[in-house]
Amino acid sequence: MKNKEQVVFDIRQEKFKYLQRDEIKSSNKVDMFALNKRLSENKRMNFYNNTKIITFSLLSLGVFALISLKF
């Protein structure tokens, strides 16, 4: 009868580095001002991108309608 080999996990190995706790980090608090600034920038950029897409779509539709009416 064969004995099962036992797997030993060494937490100090490089591949388990993500499991180790950093003592340098003192807190996991979120900076609300930075978060609000980033969210506002994203919201503004999404608004501009949506406005550009809608404008281009309406312009294309208008050109298509104008060409259709001429013929």
C-alpha atoms as a PDB file:
ATOM      1  CA  MET A   1       0.000   0.000   0.000  1.00  0.00           C
ATOM      2  CA  LYS A   2       1.324   3.428  -0.967  1.00  0.00           C
ATOM      3  CA  ASN A   3       1.536   6.303   1.449  1.00  0.00           C
ATOM      4  CA  LYS A   4       0.021   9.573   0.301  1.00  0.00           C
ATOM      5  CA  GLU A   5       2.479  12.369  -0.067  1.00  0.00           C
ATOM      6  CA  GLN A   6       1.633  15.357   2.036  1.00  0.00           C
ATOM      7  CA  VAL A   7       1.745  18.787   0.459  1.00  0.00           C
ATOM      8  CA  VAL A   8       3.402  21.454   2.564  1.00  0.00           C
ATOM      9  CA  PHE A   9       2.688  25.103   1.850  1.00  0.00           C
ATOM     10  CA  ASP A  10       5.418  27.472   2.911  1.00  0.00           C
ATOM     11  CA  ILE A  11       3.890  30.925   3.341  1.00  0.00           C
ATOM     12  CA  ARG A  12       7.335  32.520   3.031  1.00  0.00           C
ATOM     13  CA  GLN A  13       7.748  31.380  -0.576  1.00  0.00           C
ATOM     14  CA  GLU A  14       7.489  33.926  -3.346  1.00  0.00           C
ATOM     15  CA  LYS A  15       4.362  32.404  -4.877  1.00  0.00           C
ATOM     16  CA  PHE A  16       2.408  33.002  -1.644  1.00  0.00           C
ATOM     17  CA  LYS A  17       3.529  36.607  -1.353  1.00  0.00           C
ATOM     18  CA  TYR A  18      -0.028  37.850  -1.945  1.00  0.00           C
ATOM     19  CA  LEU A  19      -1.170  36.121   1.246  1.00  0.00           C
ATOM     20  CA  GLN A  20       1.272  37.984   3.432  1.00  0.00           C
ATOM     21  CA  ARG A  21       0.072  41.132   5.111  1.00  0.00           C
ATOM     22  CA  ASP A  22       1.951  44.354   4.516  1.00  0.00           C
ATOM     23  CA  GLU A  23       2.746  46.011   7.792  1.00  0.00           C
ATOM     24  CA  ILE A  24       3.526  49.223   5.936  1.00  0.00           C
ATOM     25  CA  LYS A  25      -0.146  49.867   5.223  1.00  0.00           C
ATOM     26  CA  SER A  26      -1.661  51.384   8.309  1.00  0.00           C
ATOM     27  CA  SER A  27      -5.239  51.761   7.161  1.00  0.00           C
ATOM     28  CA  ASN A  28      -7.513  50.841   4.297  1.00  0.00           C
ATOM     29  CA  LYS A  29      -9.457  54.102   4.323  1.00  0.00           C
ATOM     30  CA  VAL A  30     -10.589  55.630   1.049  1.00  0.00           C
ATOM     31  CA  ASP A  31      -9.792  59.266   0.319  1.00  0.00           C
ATOM     32  CA  MET A  32     -13.266  60.608  -0.449  1.00  0.00           C
ATOM     33  CA  PHE A  33     -12.003  63.760  -2.158  1.00  0.00           C
ATOM     34  CA  ALA A  34      -9.841  61.789  -4.593  1.00  0.00           C
ATOM     35  CA  LEU A  35     -12.661  59.328  -5.232  1.00  0.00           C
ATOM     36  CA  ASN A  36     -15.189  62.105  -5.901  1.00  0.00           C
ATOM     37  CA  LYS A  37     -12.726  63.867  -8.198  1.00  0.00           C
ATOM     38  CA  ARG A  38     -12.129  60.680 -10.182  1.00  0.00           C
ATOM     39  CA  LEU A  39     -15.855  59.922 -10.401  1.00  0.00           C
ATOM     40  CA  SER A  40     -16.601  63.462 -11.554  1.00  0.00           C
ATOM     41  CA  GLU A  41     -13.949  63.247 -14.261  1.00  0.00           C
ATOM     42  CA  ASN A  42     -15.352  59.926 -15.462  1.00  0.00           C
ATOM     43  CA  LYS A  43     -18.884  61.319 -15.472  1.00  0.00           C
ATOM     44  CA  ARG A  44     -17.774  64.381 -17.447  1.00  0.00           C
ATOM     45  CA  MET A  45     -15.839  62.297 -19.989  1.00  0.00           C
ATOM     46  CA  ASN A  46     -18.806  59.949 -20.450  1.00  0.00           C
ATOM     47  CA  PHE A  47     -21.096  62.938 -21.022  1.00  0.00           C
ATOM     48  CA  TYR A  48     -18.746  64.390 -23.664  1.00  0.00           C
ATOM     49  CA  ASN A  49     -18.350  61.028 -25.395  1.00  0.00           C
ATOM     50  CA  ASN A  50     -22.107  60.460 -25.451  1.00  0.00           C
ATOM     51  CA  THR A  51     -22.671  63.990 -26.785  1.00  0.00           C
ATOM     52  CA  LYS A  52     -20.150  63.425 -29.589  1.00  0.00           C
ATOM     53  CA  ILE A  53     -21.743  60.113 -30.551  1.00  0.00           C
ATOM     54  CA  ILE A  54     -25.275  61.563 -30.560  1.00  0.00           C
ATOM     55  CA  THR A  55     -24.152  64.603 -32.593  1.00  0.00           C
ATOM     56  CA  PHE A  56     -22.371  62.447 -35.142  1.00  0.00           C
ATOM     57  CA  SER A  57     -25.376  60.112 -35.413  1.00  0.00           C
ATOM     58  CA  LEU A  58     -27.802  62.991 -35.930  1.00  0.00           C
ATOM     59  CA  LEU A  59     -25.495  64.589 -38.480  1.00  0.00           C
ATOM     60  CA  SER A  60     -25.193  61.303 -40.379  1.00  0.00           C
ATOM     61  CA  LEU A  61     -28.963  60.811 -40.271  1.00  0.00           C
ATOM     62  CA  GLY A  62     -29.474  64.360 -41.529  1.00  0.00           C
ATOM     63  CA  VAL A  63     -27.063  63.880 -44.410  1.00  0.00           C
ATOM     64  CA  PHE A  64     -28.714  60.580 -45.302  1.00  0.00           C
ATOM     65  CA  ALA A  65     -32.171  62.222 -45.210  1.00  0.00           C
ATOM     66  CA  LEU A  66     -30.958  65.135 -47.347  1.00  0.00           C
ATOM     67  CA  ILE A  67     -29.481  62.771 -49.921  1.00  0.00           C
ATOM     68  CA  SER A  68     -32.687  60.700 -49.941  1.00  0.00           C
ATOM     69  CA  LEU A  69     -34.863  63.772 -50.520  1.00  0.00           C
ATOM     70  CA  LYS A  70     -32.724  64.981 -53.458  1.00  0.00           C
ATOM     71  CA  PHE A  71     -33.189  61.688 -55.348  1.00  0.00           C
END
